[in-house]
Amino acid sequence: MKYYNYFIVTIFILFTETLFANEILELGKNIFLEKGNCATCHALNDAGSNADIGPNLNLIKPDVGRVVMAVTNGIGVMPAYEGILTSEEIEAVAAYVSDKSN
């Protein structure tokens, strides 16, 4: 019985982590398409964007840290979004871009 309870708890944790991860990715996609307006400049297949002003995210496959730095501080002609997006929104869009480009 003791091992059965651990199994149930483990399944529950994995299930809730998956739901939470999906919510973060959905938030990230929404920010990419709407509030952050990333799709105006960047191509990302999952988002249905094919812009070519900024780097094609499908090709450069950035990790989360790289996206967080670029979105927070800006890079090249890309403006900084610190103060425009919350840190949670920046982390969500970074998770989304990194996950969907890899």
Protein backbone atom coordinates (compact mmCIF):
# COMPACT_ATOMS: atom_id res chain seq x y z
CA MET A 1 0.00 0.00 0.00
CA LYS A 2 2.85 2.38 0.82
CA TYR A 3 4.37 2.01 -2.68
CA TYR A 4 0.96 2.42 -4.29
CA ASN A 5 0.57 5.81 -2.55
CA TYR A 6 4.00 6.93 -3.79
CA PHE A 7 3.03 5.85 -7.30
CA ILE A 8 -0.21 7.86 -7.17
CA VAL A 9 1.59 10.93 -5.83
CA THR A 10 4.28 10.63 -8.52
CA ILE A 11 1.66 10.37 -11.28
CA PHE A 12 -0.16 13.39 -9.85
CA ILE A 13 3.04 15.48 -9.75
CA LEU A 14 3.96 14.56 -13.33
CA PHE A 15 0.42 15.35 -14.50
CA THR A 16 0.31 18.77 -12.81
CA GLU A 17 3.82 19.65 -14.05
CA THR A 18 2.72 18.82 -17.60
CA LEU A 19 -0.38 21.00 -17.24
CA PHE A 20 1.71 23.86 -15.84
CA ALA A 21 4.25 23.51 -18.66
CA ASN A 22 1.47 23.60 -21.24
CA GLU A 23 0.04 26.75 -19.65
CA ILE A 24 3.45 28.44 -19.80
CA LEU A 25 3.84 27.50 -23.48
CA GLU A 26 0.36 28.80 -24.29
CA LEU A 27 1.11 32.06 -22.50
CA GLY A 28 4.41 32.28 -24.37
CA LYS A 29 2.71 31.72 -27.71
CA ASN A 30 0.15 34.40 -26.92
CA ILE A 31 2.91 36.86 -26.03
CA PHE A 32 4.83 35.95 -29.20
CA LEU A 33 1.79 36.63 -31.35
CA GLU A 34 0.10 39.45 -29.44
CA LYS A 35 1.62 41.50 -26.62
CA GLY A 36 5.26 41.06 -27.60
CA ASN A 37 4.46 41.26 -31.31
CA CYS A 38 7.46 38.99 -32.03
CA ALA A 39 5.81 37.47 -35.11
CA THR A 40 6.16 40.80 -36.91
CA CYS A 41 9.92 40.27 -37.20
CA HIS A 42 10.67 36.60 -36.52
CA ALA A 43 9.83 33.36 -38.28
CA LEU A 44 8.65 30.53 -36.05
CA ASN A 45 6.77 27.62 -37.60
CA ASP A 46 4.63 26.82 -34.55
CA ALA A 47 3.37 30.40 -34.41
CA GLY A 48 2.66 30.47 -38.14
CA SER A 49 4.98 33.45 -38.58
CA ASN A 50 7.38 33.75 -41.48
CA ALA A 51 8.74 37.29 -41.11
CA ASP A 52 12.34 37.89 -42.09
CA ILE A 53 13.30 41.16 -40.41
CA GLY A 54 14.85 39.42 -37.39
CA PRO A 55 16.54 36.04 -37.16
CA ASN A 56 14.60 32.95 -38.19
CA LEU A 57 14.08 31.25 -34.84
CA ASN A 58 13.58 27.86 -36.51
CA LEU A 59 17.15 28.06 -37.77
CA ILE A 60 19.01 29.52 -34.80
CA LYS A 61 17.16 27.39 -32.21
CA PRO A 62 17.96 29.63 -29.24
CA ASP A 63 18.01 28.29 -25.70
CA VAL A 64 15.88 29.86 -22.98
CA GLY A 65 18.70 31.97 -21.58
CA ARG A 66 19.52 33.49 -24.95
CA VAL A 67 15.88 34.46 -25.54
CA VAL A 68 15.52 35.92 -22.04
CA MET A 69 18.62 38.09 -22.58
CA ALA A 70 17.49 39.27 -26.05
CA VAL A 71 13.92 40.04 -24.98
CA THR A 72 14.93 41.71 -21.72
CA ASN A 73 17.77 43.84 -23.05
CA GLY A 74 17.10 44.05 -26.77
CA ILE A 75 19.71 43.20 -29.38
CA GLY A 76 20.58 44.97 -32.62
CA VAL A 77 17.44 46.76 -33.82
CA MET A 78 15.24 44.71 -31.49
CA PRO A 79 14.03 46.86 -28.60
CA ALA A 80 14.28 45.87 -24.94
CA TYR A 81 11.02 44.57 -23.51
CA GLU A 82 12.00 45.00 -19.87
CA GLY A 83 9.26 47.17 -18.39
CA ILE A 84 6.90 46.31 -21.24
CA LEU A 85 6.63 42.60 -20.43
CA THR A 86 6.78 41.23 -16.90
CA SER A 87 9.61 38.87 -16.00
CA GLU A 88 7.05 36.02 -16.01
CA GLU A 89 5.96 36.96 -19.52
CA ILE A 90 9.58 37.14 -20.70
CA GLU A 91 10.27 33.71 -19.21
CA ALA A 92 7.11 32.31 -20.81
CA VAL A 93 7.93 33.61 -24.29
CA ALA A 94 11.50 32.38 -23.89
CA ALA A 95 10.29 28.90 -22.90
CA TYR A 96 7.90 28.88 -25.87
CA VAL A 97 10.46 30.02 -28.45
CA SER A 98 13.13 27.64 -27.16
CA ASP A 99 10.75 24.68 -26.99
CA LYS A 100 9.09 25.21 -30.38
CA SER A 101 12.27 26.03 -32.29
CA ASN A 102 14.11 22.90 -31.13
